[in-house]
């Protein structure tokens, strides 16, 4: 099995991995925290909050949106972003499931 072959993993493992990958950049965490504080905004607002250029912010927003962690609706010539609460609830369930397995014991060093 090659390093990129994910077919041997469960659907839940692959989904959780994709969500963690989408969150694995400090700028994306900053975007999530900003959206959690303001509920909705446009891309320009996010650019004003981060020390990044607009194209870089747009790329991070694209990654978060592809993972389903945020939604974006076009309003005129702006895009309004918000957290996808359904996906965040699903992520919490998956993390809770993993944490319960960790609490149950297993190998402890």
PDB file of N, CA and C in Angstrom:
ATOM      1  N   UNK A   1       0.854  -1.182   0.000  1.00  0.00           N
ATOM      2  CA  UNK A   1       0.000   0.000   0.000  1.00  0.00           C
ATOM      3  C   UNK A   1       0.892   1.236   0.000  1.00  0.00           C
ATOM      4  N   UNK A   2       0.691   2.108  -0.985  1.00  0.00           N
ATOM      5  CA  UNK A   2       1.455   3.338  -1.072  1.00  0.00           C
ATOM      6  C   UNK A   2       1.018   4.339  -0.022  1.00  0.00           C
ATOM      7  N   UNK A   3       1.822   5.357   0.163  1.00  0.00           N
ATOM      8  CA  UNK A   3       1.538   6.382   1.174  1.00  0.00           C
ATOM      9  C   UNK A   3       0.247   7.137   0.888  1.00  0.00           C
ATOM     10  N   UNK A   4      -0.172   7.201  -0.367  1.00  0.00           N
ATOM     11  CA  UNK A   4      -1.374   7.955  -0.706  1.00  0.00           C
ATOM     12  C   UNK A   4      -2.595   7.070  -0.926  1.00  0.00           C
ATOM     13  N   UNK A   5      -2.457   5.764  -0.773  1.00  0.00           N
ATOM     14  CA  UNK A   5      -3.590   4.849  -0.963  1.00  0.00           C
ATOM     15  C   UNK A   5      -4.455   4.866   0.281  1.00  0.00           C
ATOM     16  N   UNK A   6      -5.647   5.464   0.164  1.00  0.00           N
ATOM     17  CA  UNK A   6      -6.537   5.569   1.317  1.00  0.00           C
ATOM     18  C   UNK A   6      -7.678   4.568   1.261  1.00  0.00           C
ATOM     19  N   UNK A   7      -7.685   3.703   0.252  1.00  0.00           N
ATOM     20  CA  UNK A   7      -8.811   2.782   0.079  1.00  0.00           C
ATOM     21  C   UNK A   7      -8.939   1.760   1.200  1.00  0.00           C
ATOM     22  N   UNK A   8      -7.905   1.562   1.967  1.00  0.00           N
ATOM     23  CA  UNK A   8      -7.936   0.576   3.046  1.00  0.00           C
ATOM     24  C   UNK A   8      -8.518   1.128   4.348  1.00  0.00           C
ATOM     25  N   UNK A   9      -8.842   2.416   4.363  1.00  0.00           N
ATOM     26  CA  UNK A   9      -9.354   3.057   5.564  1.00  0.00           C
ATOM     27  C   UNK A   9     -10.864   3.207   5.469  1.00  0.00           C
ATOM     28  N   UNK A  10     -11.507   3.271   6.632  1.00  0.00           N
ATOM     29  CA  UNK A  10     -12.963   3.408   6.636  1.00  0.00           C
ATOM     30  C   UNK A  10     -13.358   4.792   6.122  1.00  0.00           C
ATOM     31  N   UNK A  11     -14.611   4.897   5.744  1.00  0.00           N
ATOM     32  CA  UNK A  11     -15.135   6.178   5.272  1.00  0.00           C
ATOM     33  C   UNK A  11     -15.033   7.227   6.378  1.00  0.00           C
ATOM     34  N   UNK A  12     -15.318   6.838   7.617  1.00  0.00           N
ATOM     35  CA  UNK A  12     -15.234   7.770   8.747  1.00  0.00           C
ATOM     36  C   UNK A  12     -13.795   8.248   8.940  1.00  0.00           C
ATOM     37  N   UNK A  13     -12.821   7.328   8.842  1.00  0.00           N
ATOM     38  CA  UNK A  13     -11.418   7.704   8.995  1.00  0.00           C
ATOM     39  C   UNK A  13     -10.984   8.676   7.900  1.00  0.00           C
ATOM     40  N   UNK A  14     -11.432   8.431   6.691  1.00  0.00           N
ATOM     41  CA  UNK A  14     -11.079   9.307   5.579  1.00  0.00           C
ATOM     42  C   UNK A  14     -11.727  10.683   5.731  1.00  0.00           C
ATOM     43  N   UNK A  15     -12.984  10.687   6.166  1.00  0.00           N
ATOM     44  CA  UNK A  15     -13.686  11.961   6.342  1.00  0.00           C
ATOM     45  C   UNK A  15     -13.053  12.786   7.459  1.00  0.00           C
ATOM     46  N   UNK A  16     -12.744  12.159   8.564  1.00  0.00           N
ATOM     47  CA  UNK A  16     -12.123  12.865   9.685  1.00  0.00           C
ATOM     48  C   UNK A  16     -10.751  13.402   9.278  1.00  0.00           C
ATOM     49  N   UNK A  17     -10.006  12.608   8.549  1.00  0.00           N
ATOM     50  CA  UNK A  17      -8.700  13.037   8.068  1.00  0.00           C
ATOM     51  C   UNK A  17      -8.813  14.256   7.155  1.00  0.00           C
ATOM     52  N   UNK A  18      -9.796  14.253   6.264  1.00  0.00           N
ATOM     53  CA  UNK A  18      -9.988  15.389   5.355  1.00  0.00           C
ATOM     54  C   UNK A  18     -10.357  16.658   6.125  1.00  0.00           C
ATOM     55  N   UNK A  19     -11.180  16.511   7.159  1.00  0.00           N
ATOM     56  CA  UNK A  19     -11.561  17.677   7.965  1.00  0.00           C
ATOM     57  C   UNK A  19     -10.363  18.218   8.739  1.00  0.00           C
ATOM     58  N   UNK A  20      -9.569  17.308   9.321  1.00  0.00           N
ATOM     59  CA  UNK A  20      -8.371  17.753  10.035  1.00  0.00           C
ATOM     60  C   UNK A  20      -7.378  18.425   9.076  1.00  0.00           C
ATOM     61  N   UNK A  21      -7.262  17.876   7.872  1.00  0.00           N
ATOM     62  CA  UNK A  21      -6.361  18.475   6.883  1.00  0.00           C
ATOM     63  C   UNK A  21      -6.810  19.896   6.551  1.00  0.00           C
ATOM     64  N   UNK A  22      -8.115  20.092   6.408  1.00  0.00           N
ATOM     65  CA  UNK A  22      -8.641  21.425   6.104  1.00  0.00           C
ATOM     66  C   UNK A  22      -8.372  22.403   7.242  1.00  0.00           C
ATOM     67  N   UNK A  23      -8.287  21.896   8.455  1.00  0.00           N
ATOM     68  CA  UNK A  23      -8.043  22.749   9.624  1.00  0.00           C
ATOM     69  C   UNK A  23      -6.556  22.906   9.957  1.00  0.00           C
ATOM     70  N   UNK A  24      -5.700  22.236   9.202  1.00  0.00           N
ATOM     71  CA  UNK A  24      -4.285  22.144   9.557  1.00  0.00           C
ATOM     72  C   UNK A  24      -3.452  23.333   9.092  1.00  0.00           C
ATOM     73  N   UNK A  25      -4.006  24.514   9.177  1.00  0.00           N
ATOM     74  CA  UNK A  25      -3.242  25.728   8.874  1.00  0.00           C
ATOM     75  C   UNK A  25      -3.736  26.832   9.800  1.00  0.00           C
ATOM     76  N   UNK A  26      -2.827  27.563  10.421  1.00  0.00           N
ATOM     77  CA  UNK A  26      -3.253  28.604  11.370  1.00  0.00           C
ATOM     78  C   UNK A  26      -4.162  29.665  10.750  1.00  0.00           C
ATOM     79  N   UNK A  27      -3.983  29.979   9.480  1.00  0.00           N
ATOM     80  CA  UNK A  27      -4.855  30.969   8.837  1.00  0.00           C
ATOM     81  C   UNK A  27      -6.288  30.452   8.765  1.00  0.00           C
ATOM     82  N   UNK A  28      -6.452  29.159   8.540  1.00  0.00           N
ATOM     83  CA  UNK A  28      -7.802  28.591   8.467  1.00  0.00           C
ATOM     84  C   UNK A  28      -8.459  28.571   9.841  1.00  0.00           C
ATOM     85  N   UNK A  29      -7.674  28.319  10.870  1.00  0.00           N
ATOM     86  CA  UNK A  29      -8.202  28.392  12.234  1.00  0.00           C
ATOM     87  C   UNK A  29      -8.625  29.833  12.524  1.00  0.00           C
ATOM     88  N   UNK A  30      -7.812  30.796  12.112  1.00  0.00           N
ATOM     89  CA  UNK A  30      -8.151  32.209  12.321  1.00  0.00           C
ATOM     90  C   UNK A  30      -9.443  32.564  11.586  1.00  0.00           C
ATOM     91  N   UNK A  31      -9.625  32.043  10.379  1.00  0.00           N
ATOM     92  CA  UNK A  31     -10.856  32.302   9.624  1.00  0.00           C
ATOM     93  C   UNK A  31     -12.057  31.703  10.350  1.00  0.00           C
ATOM     94  N   UNK A  32     -11.918  30.472  10.821  1.00  0.00           N
ATOM     95  CA  UNK A  32     -13.014  29.811  11.552  1.00  0.00           C
ATOM     96  C   UNK A  32     -13.364  30.608  12.804  1.00  0.00           C
ATOM     97  N   UNK A  33     -12.348  31.032  13.562  1.00  0.00           N
ATOM     98  CA  UNK A  33     -12.602  31.816  14.774  1.00  0.00           C
ATOM     99  C   UNK A  33     -13.288  33.135  14.434  1.00  0.00           C
ATOM    100  N   UNK A  34     -12.863  33.781  13.367  1.00  0.00           N
ATOM    101  CA  UNK A  34     -13.479  35.043  12.953  1.00  0.00           C
ATOM    102  C   UNK A  34     -14.951  34.830  12.596  1.00  0.00           C
ATOM    103  N   UNK A  35     -15.222  33.793  11.792  1.00  0.00           N
ATOM    104  CA  UNK A  35     -16.603  33.517  11.401  1.00  0.00           C
ATOM    105  C   UNK A  35     -17.466  33.139  12.608  1.00  0.00           C
ATOM    106  N   UNK A  36     -16.875  32.455  13.579  1.00  0.00           N
ATOM    107  CA  UNK A  36     -17.623  32.093  14.786  1.00  0.00           C
ATOM    108  C   UNK A  36     -18.002  33.346  15.584  1.00  0.00           C
ATOM    109  N   UNK A  37     -17.165  34.359  15.522  1.00  0.00           N
ATOM    110  CA  UNK A  37     -17.431  35.597  16.263  1.00  0.00           C
ATOM    111  C   UNK A  37     -18.415  36.519  15.564  1.00  0.00           C
ATOM    112  N   UNK A  38     -18.401  36.543  14.225  1.00  0.00           N
ATOM    113  CA  UNK A  38     -19.239  37.496  13.503  1.00  0.00           C
ATOM    114  C   UNK A  38     -20.452  36.860  12.841  1.00  0.00           C
ATOM    115  N   UNK A  39     -20.530  35.552  12.823  1.00  0.00           N
ATOM    116  CA  UNK A  39     -21.620  34.784  12.215  1.00  0.00           C
ATOM    117  C   UNK A  39     -21.581  34.790  10.691  1.00  0.00           C
ATOM    118  N   UNK A  40     -21.528  35.922  10.028  1.00  0.00           N
ATOM    119  CA  UNK A  40     -21.384  35.981   8.569  1.00  0.00           C
ATOM    120  C   UNK A  40     -20.493  37.164   8.213  1.00  0.00           C
ATOM    121  N   UNK A  41     -19.916  37.112   7.039  1.00  0.00           N
ATOM    122  CA  UNK A  41     -19.103  38.234   6.584  1.00  0.00           C
ATOM    123  C   UNK A  41     -18.835  38.067   5.095  1.00  0.00           C
ATOM    124  N   UNK A  42     -18.161  39.040   4.515  1.00  0.00           N
ATOM    125  CA  UNK A  42     -17.718  38.902   3.137  1.00  0.00           C
ATOM    126  C   UNK A  42     -16.209  38.724   3.141  1.00  0.00           C
ATOM    127  N   UNK A  43     -15.674  38.248   2.048  1.00  0.00           N
ATOM    128  CA  UNK A  43     -14.251  37.940   1.955  1.00  0.00           C
ATOM    129  C   UNK A  43     -13.386  39.134   2.324  1.00  0.00           C
ATOM    130  N   UNK A  44     -13.775  40.330   1.890  1.00  0.00           N
ATOM    131  CA  UNK A  44     -12.998  41.529   2.202  1.00  0.00           C
ATOM    132  C   UNK A  44     -12.839  41.756   3.693  1.00  0.00           C
ATOM    133  N   UNK A  45     -13.875  41.425   4.467  1.00  0.00           N
ATOM    134  CA  UNK A  45     -13.788  41.558   5.922  1.00  0.00           C
ATOM    135  C   UNK A  45     -12.720  40.623   6.488  1.00  0.00           C
ATOM    136  N   UNK A  46     -12.665  39.415   5.971  1.00  0.00           N
ATOM    137  CA  UNK A  46     -11.686  38.438   6.446  1.00  0.00           C
ATOM    138  C   UNK A  46     -10.278  38.898   6.083  1.00  0.00           C
ATOM    139  N   UNK A  47     -10.111  39.427   4.887  1.00  0.00           N
ATOM    140  CA  UNK A  47      -8.804  39.928   4.444  1.00  0.00           C
ATOM    141  C   UNK A  47      -8.318  41.030   5.381  1.00  0.00           C
ATOM    142  N   UNK A  48      -9.233  41.876   5.836  1.00  0.00           N
ATOM    143  CA  UNK A  48      -8.861  42.952   6.757  1.00  0.00           C
ATOM    144  C   UNK A  48      -8.405  42.420   8.112  1.00  0.00           C
ATOM    145  N   UNK A  49      -8.841  41.221   8.481  1.00  0.00           N
ATOM    146  CA  UNK A  49      -8.523  40.642   9.786  1.00  0.00           C
ATOM    147  C   UNK A  49      -7.235  39.814   9.789  1.00  0.00           C
ATOM    148  N   UNK A  50      -6.787  39.376   8.637  1.00  0.00           N
ATOM    149  CA  UNK A  50      -5.628  38.484   8.563  1.00  0.00           C
ATOM    150  C   UNK A  50      -4.442  39.169   7.892  1.00  0.00           C
ATOM    151  N   UNK A  51      -3.235  38.782   8.265  1.00  0.00           N
ATOM    152  CA  UNK A  51      -2.039  39.363   7.643  1.00  0.00           C
ATOM    153  C   UNK A  51      -1.693  38.662   6.329  1.00  0.00           C
ATOM    154  N   UNK A  52      -2.714  38.465   5.484  1.00  0.00           N
ATOM    155  CA  UNK A  52      -2.526  37.750   4.226  1.00  0.00           C
ATOM    156  C   UNK A  52      -3.149  38.527   3.080  1.00  0.00           C
ATOM    157  N   UNK A  53      -2.645  38.281   1.881  1.00  0.00           N
ATOM    158  CA  UNK A  53      -3.205  38.904   0.689  1.00  0.00           C
ATOM    159  C   UNK A  53      -4.554  38.277   0.358  1.00  0.00           C
ATOM    160  N   UNK A  54      -5.387  39.018  -0.364  1.00  0.00           N
ATOM    161  CA  UNK A  54      -6.726  38.550  -0.713  1.00  0.00           C
ATOM    162  C   UNK A  54      -6.702  37.212  -1.456  1.00  0.00           C
ATOM    163  N   UNK A  55      -5.804  36.995  -2.439  1.00  0.00           N
ATOM    164  CA  UNK A  55      -5.802  35.691  -3.117  1.00  0.00           C
ATOM    165  C   UNK A  55      -5.481  34.531  -2.169  1.00  0.00           C
ATOM    166  N   UNK A  56      -4.617  34.777  -1.191  1.00  0.00           N
ATOM    167  CA  UNK A  56      -4.266  33.735  -0.220  1.00  0.00           C
ATOM    168  C   UNK A  56      -5.460  33.413   0.671  1.00  0.00           C
ATOM    169  N   UNK A  57      -6.153  34.452   1.130  1.00  0.00           N
ATOM    170  CA  UNK A  57      -7.357  34.245   1.941  1.00  0.00           C
ATOM    171  C   UNK A  57      -8.392  33.476   1.127  1.00  0.00           C
ATOM    172  N   UNK A  58      -8.562  33.836  -0.127  1.00  0.00           N
ATOM    173  CA  UNK A  58      -9.525  33.135  -0.984  1.00  0.00           C
ATOM    174  C   UNK A  58      -9.183  31.656  -1.121  1.00  0.00           C
ATOM    175  N   UNK A  59      -7.905  31.334  -1.232  1.00  0.00           N
ATOM    176  CA  UNK A  59      -7.495  29.933  -1.327  1.00  0.00           C
ATOM    177  C   UNK A  59      -7.825  29.183  -0.040  1.00  0.00           C
ATOM    178  N   UNK A  60      -7.586  29.811   1.111  1.00  0.00           N
ATOM    179  CA  UNK A  60      -7.923  29.167   2.387  1.00  0.00           C
ATOM    180  C   UNK A  60      -9.439  28.981   2.514  1.00  0.00           C
ATOM    181  N   UNK A  61     -10.208  29.981   2.088  1.00  0.00           N
ATOM    182  CA  UNK A  61     -11.664  29.862   2.113  1.00  0.00           C
ATOM    183  C   UNK A  61     -12.129  28.716   1.206  1.00  0.00           C
ATOM    184  N   UNK A  62     -11.490  28.575   0.075  1.00  0.00           N
ATOM    185  CA  UNK A  62     -11.828  27.491  -0.859  1.00  0.00           C
ATOM    186  C   UNK A  62     -11.609  26.128  -0.205  1.00  0.00           C
ATOM    187  N   UNK A  63     -10.504  25.974   0.508  1.00  0.00           N
ATOM    188  CA  UNK A  63     -10.199  24.701   1.184  1.00  0.00           C
ATOM    189  C   UNK A  63     -11.231  24.399   2.277  1.00  0.00           C
ATOM    190  N   UNK A  64     -11.572  25.414   3.051  1.00  0.00           N
ATOM    191  CA  UNK A  64     -12.565  25.232   4.109  1.00  0.00           C
ATOM    192  C   UNK A  64     -13.940  24.910   3.525  1.00  0.00           C
ATOM    193  N   UNK A  65     -14.262  25.557   2.423  1.00  0.00           N
ATOM    194  CA  UNK A  65     -15.551  25.310   1.777  1.00  0.00           C
ATOM    195  C   UNK A  65     -15.582  23.914   1.154  1.00  0.00           C
ATOM    196  N   UNK A  66     -14.494  23.487   0.544  1.00  0.00           N
ATOM    197  CA  UNK A  66     -14.415  22.142  -0.046  1.00  0.00           C
ATOM    198  C   UNK A  66     -14.605  21.059   1.010  1.00  0.00           C
ATOM    199  N   UNK A  67     -14.116  21.317   2.207  1.00  0.00           N
ATOM    200  CA  UNK A  67     -14.268  20.358   3.311  1.00  0.00           C
ATOM    201  C   UNK A  67     -15.662  20.428   3.928  1.00  0.00           C
ATOM    202  N   UNK A  68     -16.445  21.427   3.539  1.00  0.00           N
ATOM    203  CA  UNK A  68     -17.789  21.564   4.069  1.00  0.00           C
ATOM    204  C   UNK A  68     -17.859  22.271   5.408  1.00  0.00           C
ATOM    205  N   UNK A  69     -16.746  22.840   5.855  1.00  0.00           N
ATOM    206  CA  UNK A  69     -16.727  23.504   7.156  1.00  0.00           C
ATOM    207  C   UNK A  69     -17.348  24.894   7.116  1.00  0.00           C
ATOM    208  N   UNK A  70     -17.348  25.509   5.935  1.00  0.00           N
ATOM    209  CA  UNK A  70     -18.002  26.805   5.764  1.00  0.00           C
ATOM    210  C   UNK A  70     -18.881  26.748   4.520  1.00  0.00           C
ATOM    211  N   UNK A  71     -19.811  27.691   4.458  1.00  0.00           N
ATOM    212  CA  UNK A  71     -20.662  27.862   3.279  1.00  0.00           C
ATOM    213  C   UNK A  71     -20.431  29.267   2.757  1.00  0.00           C
ATOM    214  N   UNK A  72     -20.630  29.441   1.471  1.00  0.00           N
ATOM    215  CA  UNK A  72     -20.497  30.755   0.878  1.00  0.00           C
ATOM    216  C   UNK A  72     -21.622  31.012  -0.095  1.00  0.00           C
ATOM    217  N   UNK A  73     -22.314  32.134   0.101  1.00  0.00           N
ATOM    218  CA  UNK A  73     -23.406  32.521  -0.777  1.00  0.00           C
ATOM    219  C   UNK A  73     -23.035  33.810  -1.487  1.00  0.00           C
ATOM    220  N   UNK A  74     -23.300  33.864  -2.786  1.00  0.00           N
ATOM    221  CA  UNK A  74     -23.005  35.061  -3.567  1.00  0.00           C
ATOM    222  C   UNK A  74     -24.127  36.077  -3.364  1.00  0.00           C
ATOM    223  N   UNK A  75     -23.745  37.284  -2.959  1.00  0.00           N
ATOM    224  CA  UNK A  75     -24.677  38.388  -2.770  1.00  0.00           C
ATOM    225  C   UNK A  75     -24.138  39.565  -3.589  1.00  0.00           C
ATOM    226  N   UNK A  76     -24.754  39.813  -4.725  1.00  0.00           N
ATOM    227  CA  UNK A  76     -24.229  40.850  -5.609  1.00  0.00           C
ATOM    228  C   UNK A  76     -22.886  40.406  -6.150  1.00  0.00           C
ATOM    229  N   UNK A  77     -21.843  41.226  -5.950  1.00  0.00           N
ATOM    230  CA  UNK A  77     -20.517  40.807  -6.375  1.00  0.00           C
ATOM    231  C   UNK A  77     -19.625  40.489  -5.178  1.00  0.00           C
ATOM    232  N   UNK A  78     -20.239  40.091  -4.077  1.00  0.00           N
ATOM    233  CA  UNK A  78     -19.514  39.657  -2.879  1.00  0.00           C
ATOM    234  C   UNK A  78     -19.963  38.255  -2.510  1.00  0.00           C
ATOM    235  N   UNK A  79     -19.114  37.575  -1.760  1.00  0.00           N
ATOM    236  CA  UNK A  79     -19.475  36.265  -1.241  1.00  0.00           C
ATOM    237  C   UNK A  79     -19.585  36.371   0.271  1.00  0.00           C
ATOM    238  N   UNK A  80     -20.704  35.924   0.794  1.00  0.00           N
ATOM    239  CA  UNK A  80     -20.951  35.943   2.236  1.00  0.00           C
ATOM    240  C   UNK A  80     -20.658  34.550   2.778  1.00  0.00           C
ATOM    241  N   UNK A  81     -19.726  34.451   3.710  1.00  0.00           N
ATOM    242  CA  UNK A  81     -19.332  33.171   4.280  1.00  0.00           C
ATOM    243  C   UNK A  81     -19.893  32.992   5.682  1.00  0.00           C
ATOM    244  N   UNK A  82     -20.193  31.746   6.034  1.00  0.00           N
ATOM    245  CA  UNK A  82     -20.604  31.410   7.396  1.00  0.00           C
ATOM    246  C   UNK A  82     -20.200  29.963   7.678  1.00  0.00           C
ATOM    247  N   UNK A  83     -20.191  29.610   8.948  1.00  0.00           N
ATOM    248  CA  UNK A  83     -19.882  28.237   9.335  1.00  0.00           C
ATOM    249  C   UNK A  83     -21.029  27.319   8.940  1.00  0.00           C
ATOM    250  N   UNK A  84     -20.697  26.114   8.518  1.00  0.00           N
ATOM    251  CA  UNK A  84     -21.720  25.113   8.217  1.00  0.00           C
ATOM    252  C   UNK A  84     -21.966  24.328   9.502  1.00  0.00           C
ATOM    253  N   UNK A  85     -22.983  24.719  10.241  1.00  0.00           N
ATOM    254  CA  UNK A  85     -23.250  24.126  11.551  1.00  0.00           C
ATOM    255  C   UNK A  85     -23.468  22.616  11.483  1.00  0.00           C
ATOM    256  N   UNK A  86     -24.084  22.124  10.418  1.00  0.00           N
ATOM    257  CA  UNK A  86     -24.315  20.688  10.271  1.00  0.00           C
ATOM    258  C   UNK A  86     -22.977  19.934  10.232  1.00  0.00           C
ATOM    259  N   UNK A  87     -22.041  20.449   9.464  1.00  0.00           N
ATOM    260  CA  UNK A  87     -20.737  19.779   9.355  1.00  0.00           C
ATOM    261  C   UNK A  87     -19.963  19.858  10.666  1.00  0.00           C
ATOM    262  N   UNK A  88     -20.083  20.979  11.382  1.00  0.00           N
ATOM    263  CA  UNK A  88     -19.398  21.101  12.666  1.00  0.00           C
ATOM    264  C   UNK A  88     -19.979  20.133  13.700  1.00  0.00           C
ATOM    265  N   UNK A  89     -21.290  19.929  13.667  1.00  0.00           N
ATOM    266  CA  UNK A  89     -21.893  18.936  14.570  1.00  0.00           C
ATOM    267  C   UNK A  89     -21.388  17.530  14.230  1.00  0.00           C
ATOM    268  N   UNK A  90     -21.264  17.241  12.937  1.00  0.00           N
ATOM    269  CA  UNK A  90     -20.753  15.937  12.503  1.00  0.00           C
ATOM    270  C   UNK A  90     -19.300  15.756  12.951  1.00  0.00           C
ATOM    271  N   UNK A  91     -18.499  16.794  12.807  1.00  0.00           N
ATOM    272  CA  UNK A  91     -17.101  16.733  13.244  1.00  0.00           C
ATOM    273  C   UNK A  91     -17.030  16.479  14.742  1.00  0.00           C
ATOM    274  N   UNK A  92     -17.860  17.151  15.512  1.00  0.00           N
ATOM    275  CA  UNK A  92     -17.889  16.933  16.969  1.00  0.00           C
ATOM    276  C   UNK A  92     -18.232  15.489  17.294  1.00  0.00           C
ATOM    277  N   UNK A  93     -19.210  14.921  16.600  1.00  0.00           N
ATOM    278  CA  UNK A  93     -19.581  13.517  16.836  1.00  0.00           C
ATOM    279  C   UNK A  93     -18.413  12.589  16.549  1.00  0.00           C
ATOM    280  N   UNK A  94     -17.703  12.840  15.453  1.00  0.00           N
ATOM    281  CA  UNK A  94     -16.572  11.983  15.098  1.00  0.00           C
ATOM    282  C   UNK A  94     -15.448  12.097  16.123  1.00  0.00           C
ATOM    283  N   UNK A  95     -15.185  13.315  16.590  1.00  0.00           N
ATOM    284  CA  UNK A  95     -14.147  13.501  17.605  1.00  0.00           C
ATOM    285  C   UNK A  95     -14.572  12.853  18.921  1.00  0.00           C
ATOM    286  N   UNK A  96     -15.838  13.010  19.297  1.00  0.00           N
ATOM    287  CA  UNK A  96     -16.345  12.379  20.514  1.00  0.00           C
ATOM    288  C   UNK A  96     -16.203  10.858  20.436  1.00  0.00           C
ATOM    289  N   UNK A  97     -16.517  10.281  19.268  1.00  0.00           N
ATOM    290  CA  UNK A  97     -16.397   8.841  19.066  1.00  0.00           C
ATOM    291  C   UNK A  97     -14.943   8.393  19.250  1.00  0.00           C
ATOM    292  N   UNK A  98     -14.023   9.140  18.671  1.00  0.00           N
ATOM    293  CA  UNK A  98     -12.602   8.830  18.805  1.00  0.00           C
ATOM    294  C   UNK A  98     -12.150   8.978  20.255  1.00  0.00           C
ATOM    295  N   UNK A  99     -12.603  10.032  20.912  1.00  0.00           N
ATOM    296  CA  UNK A  99     -12.204  10.275  22.299  1.00  0.00           C
ATOM    297  C   UNK A  99     -12.706   9.165  23.226  1.00  0.00           C
ATOM    298  N   UNK A 100     -13.913   8.674  22.982  1.00  0.00           N
ATOM    299  CA  UNK A 100     -14.439   7.572  23.797  1.00  0.00           C
ATOM    300  C   UNK A 100     -13.571   6.337  23.683  1.00  0.00           C
ATOM    301  N   UNK A 101     -13.064   6.081  22.488  1.00  0.00           N
ATOM    302  CA  UNK A 101     -12.154   4.947  22.297  1.00  0.00           C
ATOM    303  C   UNK A 101     -10.855   5.166  23.075  1.00  0.00           C
ATOM    304  N   UNK A 102     -10.382   6.392  23.095  1.00  0.00           N
ATOM    305  CA  UNK A 102      -9.163   6.703  23.824  1.00  0.00           C
ATOM    306  C   UNK A 102      -9.363   6.563  25.331  1.00  0.00           C
ATOM    307  N   UNK A 103     -10.528   6.990  25.802  1.00  0.00           N
ATOM    308  CA  UNK A 103     -10.837   6.889  27.231  1.00  0.00           C
ATOM    309  C   UNK A 103     -10.996   5.435  27.682  1.00  0.00           C
ATOM    310  N   UNK A 104     -11.429   4.573  26.759  1.00  0.00           N
ATOM    311  CA  UNK A 104     -11.687   3.174  27.095  1.00  0.00           C
ATOM    312  C   UNK A 104     -10.409   2.420  27.434  1.00  0.00           C
ATOM    313  N   UNK A 105      -9.299   2.992  27.149  1.00  0.00           N
ATOM    314  CA  UNK A 105      -8.046   2.313  27.499  1.00  0.00           C
ATOM    315  C   UNK A 105      -7.225   2.031  26.287  1.00  0.00           C
ATOM    316  N   UNK A 106      -6.738   0.825  26.220  1.00  0.00           N
ATOM    317  CA  UNK A 106      -5.849   0.485  25.131  1.00  0.00           C
ATOM    318  C   UNK A 106      -4.423   0.653  25.588  1.00  0.00           C
ATOM    319  N   UNK A 107      -3.550   0.813  24.638  1.00  0.00           N
ATOM    320  CA  UNK A 107      -2.118   0.941  24.921  1.00  0.00           C
ATOM    321  C   UNK A 107      -1.832   2.269  25.606  1.00  0.00           C
ATOM    322  N   UNK A 108      -1.252   2.198  26.786  1.00  0.00           N
ATOM    323  CA  UNK A 108      -0.884   3.385  27.541  1.00  0.00           C
ATOM    324  C   UNK A 108       0.606   3.294  27.855  1.00  0.00           C
ATOM    325  N   UNK A 109       1.359   4.295  27.467  1.00  0.00           N
ATOM    326  CA  UNK A 109       2.808   4.284  27.723  1.00  0.00           C
ATOM    327  C   UNK A 109       3.141   5.049  28.980  1.00  0.00           C
TER     328      UNK A 109
END
